[in-house]
Amino acid sequence: MAKLKGILLTEGMHGMISQVEGLAKALDIEFTHHKVETKIFLGIDSTKAYTYFRFSFKEFNVSDFDIIISCGKKKRYTFNLF
């Protein structure tokens, strides 16, 4: 049986990275890590603004994955891109 493939979405902070990588290793999956970044500056306290700027995230090409593991507040708005 082939291993499952997953992508890890974080904001790039070490705590978030270790959380998602720990889960991916516990699930014994092959994974690639992707950092969620914005194209424009939206400010520190403007998490609600992400819903209005759906296309404000830098795009990354992801193909052929089975599982998405994510951590952080920006990642919840990127699921509209998939």
PDB file of N, CA and C in Angstrom:
ATOM      1  N   MET A   1       0.838  -1.184   0.000  1.00  0.00           N
ATOM      2  CA  MET A   1       0.000   0.000   0.000  1.00  0.00           C
ATOM      3  C   MET A   1       0.883   1.248   0.000  1.00  0.00           C
ATOM      4  N   ALA A   2       0.554   2.189  -0.860  1.00  0.00           N
ATOM      5  CA  ALA A   2       1.338   3.415  -0.973  1.00  0.00           C
ATOM      6  C   ALA A   2       1.034   4.350   0.189  1.00  0.00           C
ATOM      7  N   LYS A   3       2.048   5.129   0.553  1.00  0.00           N
ATOM      8  CA  LYS A   3       1.862   6.111   1.624  1.00  0.00           C
ATOM      9  C   LYS A   3       0.952   7.232   1.147  1.00  0.00           C
ATOM     10  N   LEU A   4       0.192   7.778   2.073  1.00  0.00           N
ATOM     11  CA  LEU A   4      -0.621   8.948   1.767  1.00  0.00           C
ATOM     12  C   LEU A   4       0.282  10.160   1.599  1.00  0.00           C
ATOM     13  N   LYS A   5      -0.155  11.109   0.777  1.00  0.00           N
ATOM     14  CA  LYS A   5       0.591  12.343   0.560  1.00  0.00           C
ATOM     15  C   LYS A   5      -0.194  13.491   1.168  1.00  0.00           C
ATOM     16  N   GLY A   6       0.515  14.384   1.835  1.00  0.00           N
ATOM     17  CA  GLY A   6      -0.149  15.505   2.478  1.00  0.00           C
ATOM     18  C   GLY A   6       0.590  16.803   2.274  1.00  0.00           C
ATOM     19  N   ILE A   7      -0.128  17.894   2.479  1.00  0.00           N
ATOM     20  CA  ILE A   7       0.502  19.209   2.489  1.00  0.00           C
ATOM     21  C   ILE A   7       0.281  19.819   3.864  1.00  0.00           C
ATOM     22  N   LEU A   8       1.273  20.551   4.322  1.00  0.00           N
ATOM     23  CA  LEU A   8       1.220  21.211   5.621  1.00  0.00           C
ATOM     24  C   LEU A   8       1.159  22.713   5.387  1.00  0.00           C
ATOM     25  N   LEU A   9       0.138  23.367   5.917  1.00  0.00           N
ATOM     26  CA  LEU A   9      -0.020  24.814   5.786  1.00  0.00           C
ATOM     27  C   LEU A   9       0.192  25.473   7.137  1.00  0.00           C
ATOM     28  N   THR A  10       1.149  26.397   7.214  1.00  0.00           N
ATOM     29  CA  THR A  10       1.374  27.168   8.437  1.00  0.00           C
ATOM     30  C   THR A  10       1.732  28.595   8.058  1.00  0.00           C
ATOM     31  N   GLU A  11       1.843  29.429   9.078  1.00  0.00           N
ATOM     32  CA  GLU A  11       2.302  30.800   8.870  1.00  0.00           C
ATOM     33  C   GLU A  11       3.819  30.888   8.962  1.00  0.00           C
ATOM     34  N   GLY A  12       4.486  29.789   9.244  1.00  0.00           N
ATOM     35  CA  GLY A  12       5.936  29.752   9.253  1.00  0.00           C
ATOM     36  C   GLY A  12       6.592  29.857  10.611  1.00  0.00           C
ATOM     37  N   MET A  13       5.822  29.999  11.676  1.00  0.00           N
ATOM     38  CA  MET A  13       6.408  30.079  13.012  1.00  0.00           C
ATOM     39  C   MET A  13       6.776  28.673  13.496  1.00  0.00           C
ATOM     40  N   HIS A  14       7.866  28.576  14.257  1.00  0.00           N
ATOM     41  CA  HIS A  14       8.412  27.276  14.638  1.00  0.00           C
ATOM     42  C   HIS A  14       7.423  26.395  15.393  1.00  0.00           C
ATOM     43  N   GLY A  15       6.636  26.969  16.277  1.00  0.00           N
ATOM     44  CA  GLY A  15       5.662  26.179  17.025  1.00  0.00           C
ATOM     45  C   GLY A  15       4.622  25.548  16.120  1.00  0.00           C
ATOM     46  N   MET A  16       4.159  26.314  15.147  1.00  0.00           N
ATOM     47  CA  MET A  16       3.168  25.797  14.199  1.00  0.00           C
ATOM     48  C   MET A  16       3.764  24.707  13.320  1.00  0.00           C
ATOM     49  N   ILE A  17       4.989  24.941  12.873  1.00  0.00           N
ATOM     50  CA  ILE A  17       5.657  23.959  12.019  1.00  0.00           C
ATOM     51  C   ILE A  17       5.841  22.647  12.762  1.00  0.00           C
ATOM     52  N   SER A  18       6.290  22.714  14.009  1.00  0.00           N
ATOM     53  CA  SER A  18       6.515  21.477  14.759  1.00  0.00           C
ATOM     54  C   SER A  18       5.205  20.750  15.047  1.00  0.00           C
ATOM     55  N   GLN A  19       4.109  21.484  15.235  1.00  0.00           N
ATOM     56  CA  GLN A  19       2.811  20.841  15.462  1.00  0.00           C
ATOM     57  C   GLN A  19       2.352  20.049  14.244  1.00  0.00           C
ATOM     58  N   VAL A  20       2.367  20.684  13.084  1.00  0.00           N
ATOM     59  CA  VAL A  20       1.867  19.996  11.892  1.00  0.00           C
ATOM     60  C   VAL A  20       2.814  18.891  11.439  1.00  0.00           C
ATOM     61  N   GLU A  21       4.132  19.109  11.567  1.00  0.00           N
ATOM     62  CA  GLU A  21       5.074  18.057  11.194  1.00  0.00           C
ATOM     63  C   GLU A  21       4.989  16.875  12.148  1.00  0.00           C
ATOM     64  N   GLY A  22       4.769  17.140  13.429  1.00  0.00           N
ATOM     65  CA  GLY A  22       4.605  16.055  14.395  1.00  0.00           C
ATOM     66  C   GLY A  22       3.400  15.196  14.072  1.00  0.00           C
ATOM     67  N   LEU A  23       2.293  15.824  13.708  1.00  0.00           N
ATOM     68  CA  LEU A  23       1.098  15.077  13.335  1.00  0.00           C
ATOM     69  C   LEU A  23       1.318  14.290  12.050  1.00  0.00           C
ATOM     70  N   ALA A  24       1.978  14.908  11.074  1.00  0.00           N
ATOM     71  CA  ALA A  24       2.249  14.218   9.810  1.00  0.00           C
ATOM     72  C   ALA A  24       3.151  13.006  10.025  1.00  0.00           C
ATOM     73  N   LYS A  25       4.148  13.142  10.875  1.00  0.00           N
ATOM     74  CA  LYS A  25       5.034  12.007  11.167  1.00  0.00           C
ATOM     75  C   LYS A  25       4.299  10.923  11.941  1.00  0.00           C
ATOM     76  N   ALA A  26       3.407  11.316  12.846  1.00  0.00           N
ATOM     77  CA  ALA A  26       2.625  10.333  13.600  1.00  0.00           C
ATOM     78  C   ALA A  26       1.680   9.560  12.682  1.00  0.00           C
ATOM     79  N   LEU A  27       1.172  10.232  11.644  1.00  0.00           N
ATOM     80  CA  LEU A  27       0.298   9.574  10.676  1.00  0.00           C
ATOM     81  C   LEU A  27       1.080   8.790   9.627  1.00  0.00           C
ATOM     82  N   ASP A  28       2.409   8.949   9.632  1.00  0.00           N
ATOM     83  CA  ASP A  28       3.302   8.267   8.697  1.00  0.00           C
ATOM     84  C   ASP A  28       2.920   8.572   7.244  1.00  0.00           C
ATOM     85  N   ILE A  29       2.882   9.871   6.916  1.00  0.00           N
ATOM     86  CA  ILE A  29       2.572  10.290   5.551  1.00  0.00           C
ATOM     87  C   ILE A  29       3.763  11.023   4.950  1.00  0.00           C
ATOM     88  N   GLU A  30       3.819  11.047   3.622  1.00  0.00           N
ATOM     89  CA  GLU A  30       4.785  11.880   2.921  1.00  0.00           C
ATOM     90  C   GLU A  30       4.180  13.278   2.853  1.00  0.00           C
ATOM     91  N   PHE A  31       4.981  14.313   3.130  1.00  0.00           N
ATOM     92  CA  PHE A  31       4.408  15.652   3.174  1.00  0.00           C
ATOM     93  C   PHE A  31       5.353  16.695   2.625  1.00  0.00           C
ATOM     94  N   THR A  32       4.757  17.803   2.201  1.00  0.00           N
ATOM     95  CA  THR A  32       5.500  19.002   1.826  1.00  0.00           C
ATOM     96  C   THR A  32       4.936  20.153   2.644  1.00  0.00           C
ATOM     97  N   HIS A  33       5.798  21.063   3.021  1.00  0.00           N
ATOM     98  CA  HIS A  33       5.399  22.193   3.861  1.00  0.00           C
ATOM     99  C   HIS A  33       5.223  23.431   2.993  1.00  0.00           C
ATOM    100  N   HIS A  34       4.132  24.169   3.224  1.00  0.00           N
ATOM    101  CA  HIS A  34       3.860  25.407   2.499  1.00  0.00           C
ATOM    102  C   HIS A  34       3.547  26.502   3.500  1.00  0.00           C
ATOM    103  N   LYS A  35       4.198  27.635   3.319  1.00  0.00           N
ATOM    104  CA  LYS A  35       3.968  28.783   4.195  1.00  0.00           C
ATOM    105  C   LYS A  35       2.875  29.658   3.582  1.00  0.00           C
ATOM    106  N   VAL A  36       1.880  30.017   4.387  1.00  0.00           N
ATOM    107  CA  VAL A  36       0.794  30.880   3.931  1.00  0.00           C
ATOM    108  C   VAL A  36       1.262  32.321   4.059  1.00  0.00           C
ATOM    109  N   GLU A  37       1.320  33.032   2.938  1.00  0.00           N
ATOM    110  CA  GLU A  37       1.757  34.424   2.922  1.00  0.00           C
ATOM    111  C   GLU A  37       0.717  35.266   2.204  1.00  0.00           C
ATOM    112  N   THR A  38       0.632  36.517   2.582  1.00  0.00           N
ATOM    113  CA  THR A  38      -0.287  37.426   1.900  1.00  0.00           C
ATOM    114  C   THR A  38       0.460  38.245   0.862  1.00  0.00           C
ATOM    115  N   LYS A  39      -0.243  38.638  -0.190  1.00  0.00           N
ATOM    116  CA  LYS A  39       0.331  39.491  -1.224  1.00  0.00           C
ATOM    117  C   LYS A  39       0.392  40.942  -0.774  1.00  0.00           C
ATOM    118  N   ILE A  40      -0.590  41.343   0.019  1.00  0.00           N
ATOM    119  CA  ILE A  40      -0.672  42.738   0.446  1.00  0.00           C
ATOM    120  C   ILE A  40      -0.628  42.808   1.961  1.00  0.00           C
ATOM    121  N   PHE A  41      -0.210  43.945   2.467  1.00  0.00           N
ATOM    122  CA  PHE A  41      -0.163  44.144   3.906  1.00  0.00           C
ATOM    123  C   PHE A  41      -1.562  44.473   4.407  1.00  0.00           C
ATOM    124  N   LEU A  42      -2.078  43.656   5.326  1.00  0.00           N
ATOM    125  CA  LEU A  42      -3.417  43.874   5.860  1.00  0.00           C
ATOM    126  C   LEU A  42      -3.406  44.304   7.312  1.00  0.00           C
ATOM    127  N   GLY A  43      -2.247  44.446   7.910  1.00  0.00           N
ATOM    128  CA  GLY A  43      -2.172  44.865   9.303  1.00  0.00           C
ATOM    129  C   GLY A  43      -2.217  43.688  10.257  1.00  0.00           C
ATOM    130  N   ILE A  44      -1.779  43.926  11.474  1.00  0.00           N
ATOM    131  CA  ILE A  44      -1.690  42.864  12.469  1.00  0.00           C
ATOM    132  C   ILE A  44      -3.066  42.442  12.977  1.00  0.00           C
ATOM    133  N   ASP A  45      -3.960  43.395  13.221  1.00  0.00           N
ATOM    134  CA  ASP A  45      -5.262  43.092  13.816  1.00  0.00           C
ATOM    135  C   ASP A  45      -6.390  43.041  12.796  1.00  0.00           C
ATOM    136  N   SER A  46      -6.096  42.676  11.577  1.00  0.00           N
ATOM    137  CA  SER A  46      -7.139  42.709  10.551  1.00  0.00           C
ATOM    138  C   SER A  46      -7.467  41.321  10.017  1.00  0.00           C
ATOM    139  N   THR A  47      -7.624  40.342  10.902  1.00  0.00           N
ATOM    140  CA  THR A  47      -7.914  38.984  10.437  1.00  0.00           C
ATOM    141  C   THR A  47      -9.256  38.903   9.727  1.00  0.00           C
ATOM    142  N   LYS A  48     -10.200  39.762  10.075  1.00  0.00           N
ATOM    143  CA  LYS A  48     -11.499  39.760   9.396  1.00  0.00           C
ATOM    144  C   LYS A  48     -11.376  40.258   7.961  1.00  0.00           C
ATOM    145  N   ALA A  49     -10.364  41.043   7.679  1.00  0.00           N
ATOM    146  CA  ALA A  49     -10.187  41.576   6.332  1.00  0.00           C
ATOM    147  C   ALA A  49      -9.835  40.489   5.332  1.00  0.00           C
ATOM    148  N   TYR A  50      -9.266  39.388   5.774  1.00  0.00           N
ATOM    149  CA  TYR A  50      -8.910  38.308   4.856  1.00  0.00           C
ATOM    150  C   TYR A  50     -10.125  37.770   4.120  1.00  0.00           C
ATOM    151  N   THR A  51     -11.281  37.777   4.754  1.00  0.00           N
ATOM    152  CA  THR A  51     -12.480  37.274   4.089  1.00  0.00           C
ATOM    153  C   THR A  51     -12.872  38.150   2.913  1.00  0.00           C
ATOM    154  N   TYR A  52     -12.543  39.421   2.971  1.00  0.00           N
ATOM    155  CA  TYR A  52     -12.875  40.332   1.887  1.00  0.00           C
ATOM    156  C   TYR A  52     -11.828  40.318   0.778  1.00  0.00           C
ATOM    157  N   PHE A  53     -10.637  39.885   1.093  1.00  0.00           N
ATOM    158  CA  PHE A  53      -9.549  39.833   0.124  1.00  0.00           C
ATOM    159  C   PHE A  53      -9.229  38.382  -0.196  1.00  0.00           C
ATOM    160  N   ARG A  54     -10.164  37.701  -0.814  1.00  0.00           N
ATOM    161  CA  ARG A  54     -10.018  36.265  -1.076  1.00  0.00           C
ATOM    162  C   ARG A  54      -8.768  35.959  -1.900  1.00  0.00           C
ATOM    163  N   PHE A  55      -8.428  36.814  -2.820  1.00  0.00           N
ATOM    164  CA  PHE A  55      -7.289  36.553  -3.684  1.00  0.00           C
ATOM    165  C   PHE A  55      -6.044  37.304  -3.232  1.00  0.00           C
ATOM    166  N   SER A  56      -5.940  37.594  -1.949  1.00  0.00           N
ATOM    167  CA  SER A  56      -4.800  38.342  -1.435  1.00  0.00           C
ATOM    168  C   SER A  56      -3.644  37.438  -1.019  1.00  0.00           C
ATOM    169  N   PHE A  57      -3.787  36.125  -1.180  1.00  0.00           N
ATOM    170  CA  PHE A  57      -2.741  35.202  -0.777  1.00  0.00           C
ATOM    171  C   PHE A  57      -1.843  34.844  -1.943  1.00  0.00           C
ATOM    172  N   LYS A  58      -0.551  34.668  -1.653  1.00  0.00           N
ATOM    173  CA  LYS A  58       0.377  34.203  -2.668  1.00  0.00           C
ATOM    174  C   LYS A  58       0.008  32.773  -3.022  1.00  0.00           C
ATOM    175  N   GLU A  59       0.004  32.487  -4.301  1.00  0.00           N
ATOM    176  CA  GLU A  59      -0.409  31.163  -4.753  1.00  0.00           C
ATOM    177  C   GLU A  59       0.760  30.193  -4.696  1.00  0.00           C
ATOM    178  N   PHE A  60       0.436  28.954  -4.426  1.00  0.00           N
ATOM    179  CA  PHE A  60       1.425  27.899  -4.511  1.00  0.00           C
ATOM    180  C   PHE A  60       0.769  26.715  -5.193  1.00  0.00           C
ATOM    181  N   ASN A  61       1.529  26.059  -6.061  1.00  0.00           N
ATOM    182  CA  ASN A  61       0.995  24.934  -6.815  1.00  0.00           C
ATOM    183  C   ASN A  61       1.107  23.671  -5.996  1.00  0.00           C
ATOM    184  N   VAL A  62      -0.012  23.033  -5.802  1.00  0.00           N
ATOM    185  CA  VAL A  62      -0.053  21.785  -5.059  1.00  0.00           C
ATOM    186  C   VAL A  62      -0.859  20.801  -5.886  1.00  0.00           C
ATOM    187  N   SER A  63      -0.267  19.669  -6.151  1.00  0.00           N
ATOM    188  CA  SER A  63      -1.007  18.659  -6.893  1.00  0.00           C
ATOM    189  C   SER A  63      -0.828  17.311  -6.226  1.00  0.00           C
ATOM    190  N   ASP A  64      -1.817  16.487  -6.380  1.00  0.00           N
ATOM    191  CA  ASP A  64      -1.775  15.108  -5.917  1.00  0.00           C
ATOM    192  C   ASP A  64      -1.511  14.994  -4.416  1.00  0.00           C
ATOM    193  N   PHE A  65      -2.496  15.374  -3.628  1.00  0.00           N
ATOM    194  CA  PHE A  65      -2.386  15.217  -2.185  1.00  0.00           C
ATOM    195  C   PHE A  65      -3.658  14.577  -1.654  1.00  0.00           C
ATOM    196  N   ASP A  66      -3.527  13.912  -0.515  1.00  0.00           N
ATOM    197  CA  ASP A  66      -4.660  13.237   0.110  1.00  0.00           C
ATOM    198  C   ASP A  66      -5.136  13.959   1.365  1.00  0.00           C
ATOM    199  N   ILE A  67      -4.210  14.600   2.080  1.00  0.00           N
ATOM    200  CA  ILE A  67      -4.509  15.192   3.380  1.00  0.00           C
ATOM    201  C   ILE A  67      -3.950  16.611   3.447  1.00  0.00           C
ATOM    202  N   ILE A  68      -4.716  17.517   4.065  1.00  0.00           N
ATOM    203  CA  ILE A  68      -4.233  18.863   4.379  1.00  0.00           C
ATOM    204  C   ILE A  68      -4.175  18.978   5.896  1.00  0.00           C
ATOM    205  N   ILE A  69      -2.996  19.335   6.416  1.00  0.00           N
ATOM    206  CA  ILE A  69      -2.832  19.589   7.846  1.00  0.00           C
ATOM    207  C   ILE A  69      -2.438  21.053   7.973  1.00  0.00           C
ATOM    208  N   SER A  70      -3.176  21.811   8.783  1.00  0.00           N
ATOM    209  CA  SER A  70      -2.924  23.242   8.853  1.00  0.00           C
ATOM    210  C   SER A  70      -2.928  23.730  10.293  1.00  0.00           C
ATOM    211  N   CYS A  71      -2.289  24.898  10.481  1.00  0.00           N
ATOM    212  CA  CYS A  71      -2.204  25.510  11.799  1.00  0.00           C
ATOM    213  C   CYS A  71      -2.014  27.010  11.597  1.00  0.00           C
ATOM    214  N   GLY A  72      -2.703  27.824  12.392  1.00  0.00           N
ATOM    215  CA  GLY A  72      -2.566  29.270  12.302  1.00  0.00           C
ATOM    216  C   GLY A  72      -3.858  29.934  11.892  1.00  0.00           C
ATOM    217  N   LYS A  73      -3.900  31.260  12.027  1.00  0.00           N
ATOM    218  CA  LYS A  73      -5.151  31.960  11.731  1.00  0.00           C
ATOM    219  C   LYS A  73      -5.301  32.328  10.265  1.00  0.00           C
ATOM    220  N   LYS A  74      -4.218  32.517   9.529  1.00  0.00           N
ATOM    221  CA  LYS A  74      -4.331  32.877   8.118  1.00  0.00           C
ATOM    222  C   LYS A  74      -4.783  31.696   7.268  1.00  0.00           C
ATOM    223  N   LYS A  75      -4.441  30.500   7.670  1.00  0.00           N
ATOM    224  CA  LYS A  75      -4.704  29.323   6.844  1.00  0.00           C
ATOM    225  C   LYS A  75      -6.176  29.059   6.639  1.00  0.00           C
ATOM    226  N   ARG A  76      -7.026  29.491   7.556  1.00  0.00           N
ATOM    227  CA  ARG A  76      -8.449  29.167   7.425  1.00  0.00           C
ATOM    228  C   ARG A  76      -9.078  29.834   6.215  1.00  0.00           C
ATOM    229  N   TYR A  77      -8.503  30.922   5.738  1.00  0.00           N
ATOM    230  CA  TYR A  77      -9.052  31.603   4.577  1.00  0.00           C
ATOM    231  C   TYR A  77      -8.481  31.072   3.269  1.00  0.00           C
ATOM    232  N   THR A  78      -7.431  30.285   3.315  1.00  0.00           N
ATOM    233  CA  THR A  78      -6.842  29.757   2.087  1.00  0.00           C
ATOM    234  C   THR A  78      -7.594  28.560   1.556  1.00  0.00           C
ATOM    235  N   PHE A  79      -8.470  27.940   2.335  1.00  0.00           N
ATOM    236  CA  PHE A  79      -9.192  26.771   1.848  1.00  0.00           C
ATOM    237  C   PHE A  79     -10.129  27.126   0.704  1.00  0.00           C
ATOM    238  N   ASN A  80     -10.474  28.389   0.537  1.00  0.00           N
ATOM    239  CA  ASN A  80     -11.272  28.804  -0.616  1.00  0.00           C
ATOM    240  C   ASN A  80     -10.487  28.662  -1.913  1.00  0.00           C
ATOM    241  N   LEU A  81      -9.172  28.600  -1.819  1.00  0.00           N
ATOM    242  CA  LEU A  81      -8.332  28.495  -3.007  1.00  0.00           C
ATOM    243  C   LEU A  81      -8.257  27.077  -3.548  1.00  0.00           C
ATOM    244  N   PHE A  82      -8.627  26.085  -2.756  1.00  0.00           N
ATOM    245  CA  PHE A  82      -8.524  24.693  -3.202  1.00  0.00           C
ATOM    246  C   PHE A  82      -9.769  24.247  -3.898  1.00  0.00           C
TER     247      PHE A  82
END
